[in-house]
Amino acid sequence: MRIYLIGYMACGKTTLGKELAHKLGLSFLDLDKYLEKKYFKTIPRIFEEEGEGGFREKERACLHDVSDFEDVVIATGGGAPCFFDNVQLMNQTGTCIFLDVDPEELADRLMTSKTERPLVKDKTPEELVGFIEGMLEKRRPFYEQAEYCITGSKITVEELLSRIEFEHE
């Protein structure tokens, strides 16, 4: 079993992913953390040294690595499904779930986040909402290719489990 959680930054992929993995008796993997360990650099550092293009190539390589892992819930980076053939790979190798959270809620979460996020740093709350809306408009066609779409500002693991049928072998 392999479950991919996709969606914009701060939609809850990591938090829900850990809880979902625990409830299903699976391992949890954060693709961004995996990437940082594999390349011995933080994501902001990779962006700084190689730009977004270099980062996306590394992210793609890591996604291919983890697509062979068994019994795992994988929280992807927000942009991961939107580049190369990544969303197709996720759909072919596992169950893909889009966590669809509204832009205002995402902006609130990002403003209080302690995680450094290169694409949104130094933005005011108003700029951030506008930026998120624009990014979601571009990314939504990729996100919506997921097998499941769960919408809400406070998505819970119980809601995920009740709305999605997992074949647990």
Protein backbone atom coordinates (compact mmCIF):
# COMPACT_ATOMS: atom_id res chain seq x y z
CA MET A 1 0.00 0.00 0.00
CA ARG A 2 1.25 3.47 -0.95
CA ILE A 3 -0.69 6.69 -0.29
CA TYR A 4 0.36 10.10 -1.59
CA LEU A 5 -0.98 13.29 -0.02
CA ILE A 6 -0.85 16.29 -2.33
CA GLY A 7 -1.96 19.91 -2.07
CA TYR A 8 -0.65 23.39 -1.48
CA MET A 9 1.84 24.33 1.23
CA ALA A 10 0.34 24.14 4.74
CA CYS A 11 -2.76 22.17 3.68
CA GLY A 12 -1.92 19.50 6.28
CA LYS A 13 -0.08 16.85 4.27
CA THR A 14 2.53 16.16 6.95
CA THR A 15 0.26 16.43 9.98
CA LEU A 16 -2.53 14.32 8.45
CA GLY A 17 -0.01 11.98 6.83
CA LYS A 18 1.55 11.08 10.18
CA GLU A 19 -1.86 10.45 11.75
CA LEU A 20 -3.12 8.48 8.74
CA ALA A 21 0.01 6.31 8.69
CA HIS A 22 -0.40 5.61 12.41
CA LYS A 23 -4.09 4.67 12.06
CA LEU A 24 -3.37 2.35 9.11
CA GLY A 25 -0.21 0.83 10.60
CA LEU A 26 1.97 2.21 7.80
CA SER A 27 5.24 4.14 7.72
CA PHE A 28 5.23 7.89 7.11
CA LEU A 29 7.56 9.72 4.76
CA ASP A 30 7.84 13.45 4.11
CA LEU A 31 9.23 13.84 0.59
CA ASP A 32 10.89 17.17 1.40
CA LYS A 33 12.72 15.68 4.41
CA TYR A 34 13.75 12.67 2.32
CA LEU A 35 15.15 15.03 -0.32
CA GLU A 36 17.10 17.05 2.25
CA LYS A 37 18.66 13.89 3.69
CA LYS A 38 19.48 12.44 0.28
CA TYR A 39 21.24 15.59 -0.94
CA PHE A 40 22.60 16.80 2.44
CA LYS A 41 21.12 20.28 1.89
CA THR A 42 18.04 22.15 3.02
CA ILE A 43 15.41 23.00 0.43
CA PRO A 44 16.04 26.76 0.80
CA ARG A 45 19.74 26.09 0.15
CA ILE A 46 18.97 24.03 -2.98
CA PHE A 47 16.70 26.85 -4.26
CA GLU A 48 19.46 29.36 -3.56
CA GLU A 49 22.21 27.33 -5.26
CA GLU A 50 20.32 25.67 -8.11
CA GLY A 51 17.08 27.60 -8.53
CA GLU A 52 13.64 26.07 -8.72
CA GLY A 53 14.58 24.00 -11.80
CA GLY A 54 17.40 22.23 -9.96
CA PHE A 55 15.17 21.64 -6.98
CA ARG A 56 12.39 20.16 -9.13
CA GLU A 57 14.83 17.72 -10.78
CA LYS A 58 15.96 16.50 -7.36
CA GLU A 59 12.35 16.29 -6.16
CA ARG A 60 11.44 14.18 -9.20
CA ALA A 61 14.34 11.79 -8.53
CA CYS A 62 13.22 11.40 -4.91
CA LEU A 63 9.62 10.79 -5.94
CA HIS A 64 10.81 7.98 -8.23
CA ASP A 65 12.80 6.54 -5.29
CA VAL A 66 9.86 6.50 -2.89
CA SER A 67 7.38 5.22 -5.48
CA ASP A 68 8.97 1.81 -4.86
CA PHE A 69 8.53 1.95 -1.08
CA GLU A 70 5.89 -0.36 0.44
CA ASP A 71 3.27 0.31 3.12
CA VAL A 72 3.85 4.05 3.33
CA VAL A 73 2.00 7.35 3.47
CA ILE A 74 3.98 10.00 1.56
CA ALA A 75 3.48 13.74 2.08
CA THR A 76 4.73 15.44 -1.08
CA GLY A 77 5.90 19.00 -1.48
CA GLY A 78 3.21 21.41 -2.68
CA GLY A 79 4.61 21.66 -6.19
CA ALA A 80 5.63 18.03 -6.65
CA PRO A 81 2.51 16.94 -8.61
CA CYS A 82 2.82 19.89 -10.99
CA PHE A 83 6.09 19.06 -12.71
CA PHE A 84 7.21 16.40 -15.18
CA ASP A 85 5.04 13.27 -15.04
CA ASN A 86 4.93 13.29 -11.23
CA VAL A 87 1.15 13.20 -10.73
CA GLN A 88 0.84 10.34 -13.23
CA LEU A 89 3.57 8.43 -11.39
CA MET A 90 1.74 8.89 -8.08
CA ASN A 91 -1.58 7.75 -9.56
CA GLN A 92 0.05 4.70 -11.15
CA THR A 93 1.95 3.60 -8.05
CA GLY A 94 -0.49 4.40 -5.25
CA THR A 95 -3.58 6.18 -4.00
CA CYS A 96 -3.33 9.94 -4.52
CA ILE A 97 -5.34 12.30 -2.27
CA PHE A 98 -5.67 16.06 -2.84
CA LEU A 99 -6.19 18.05 0.38
CA ASP A 100 -8.07 21.13 -0.85
CA VAL A 101 -7.92 23.97 1.70
CA ASP A 102 -9.05 27.54 0.93
CA PRO A 103 -6.41 30.25 0.32
CA GLU A 104 -7.24 32.34 3.41
CA GLU A 105 -6.76 29.35 5.72
CA LEU A 106 -3.51 28.44 3.94
CA ALA A 107 -2.25 32.03 4.33
CA ASP A 108 -3.08 32.00 8.05
CA ARG A 109 -1.18 28.75 8.51
CA LEU A 110 1.82 29.95 6.48
CA MET A 111 2.05 33.24 8.40
CA THR A 112 2.40 31.34 11.68
CA SER A 113 4.58 28.51 10.33
CA LYS A 114 8.11 28.13 11.63
CA THR A 115 9.18 26.35 8.43
CA GLU A 116 11.14 28.45 5.94
CA ARG A 117 9.34 28.36 2.60
CA PRO A 118 11.30 30.02 -0.23
CA LEU A 119 8.30 30.69 -2.48
CA VAL A 120 6.30 32.68 0.11
CA LYS A 121 8.81 34.37 2.39
CA ASP A 122 8.67 38.16 2.84
CA LYS A 123 5.02 38.50 1.76
CA THR A 124 2.39 40.44 3.69
CA PRO A 125 -0.85 38.57 4.59
CA GLU A 126 -2.68 40.28 1.71
CA GLU A 127 0.09 39.53 -0.78
CA LEU A 128 0.20 35.96 0.46
CA VAL A 129 -3.53 35.31 -0.14
CA GLY A 130 -3.25 36.73 -3.67
CA PHE A 131 -0.10 34.70 -4.34
CA ILE A 132 -1.75 31.50 -3.09
CA GLU A 133 -4.86 32.11 -5.20
CA GLY A 134 -2.69 32.54 -8.30
CA MET A 135 -0.61 29.45 -7.55
CA LEU A 136 -3.70 27.34 -6.84
CA GLU A 137 -5.19 28.41 -10.16
CA LYS A 138 -2.07 27.08 -11.91
CA ARG A 139 -1.71 23.95 -9.77
CA ARG A 140 -5.36 22.91 -9.45
CA PRO A 141 -5.42 21.04 -12.81
CA PHE A 142 -2.60 18.83 -11.51
CA TYR A 143 -4.00 18.45 -8.00
CA GLU A 144 -7.41 17.48 -9.36
CA GLN A 145 -5.89 14.49 -11.16
CA ALA A 146 -5.71 12.79 -7.74
CA GLU A 147 -8.00 9.84 -7.22
CA TYR A 148 -9.60 11.59 -4.23
CA CYS A 149 -10.21 15.26 -3.39
CA ILE A 150 -11.02 16.20 0.21
CA THR A 151 -12.13 19.82 0.69
CA GLY A 152 -12.31 21.77 3.93
CA SER A 153 -10.37 24.03 6.25
CA LYS A 154 -10.12 21.51 9.10
CA ILE A 155 -9.73 18.11 7.42
CA THR A 156 -9.36 15.29 9.95
CA VAL A 157 -7.94 11.79 9.67
CA GLU A 158 -11.35 10.40 10.57
CA GLU A 159 -12.84 12.29 7.61
CA LEU A 160 -10.12 10.94 5.32
CA LEU A 161 -10.74 7.39 6.50
CA SER A 162 -14.53 7.68 6.16
CA ARG A 163 -14.42 9.15 2.65
CA ILE A 164 -11.73 6.93 1.18
CA GLU A 165 -11.71 3.19 0.86
CA PHE A 166 -8.28 1.71 1.33
CA GLU A 167 -7.67 -1.88 0.40
CA HIS A 168 -5.44 -2.93 3.26
CA GLU A 169 -3.83 -6.29 2.55
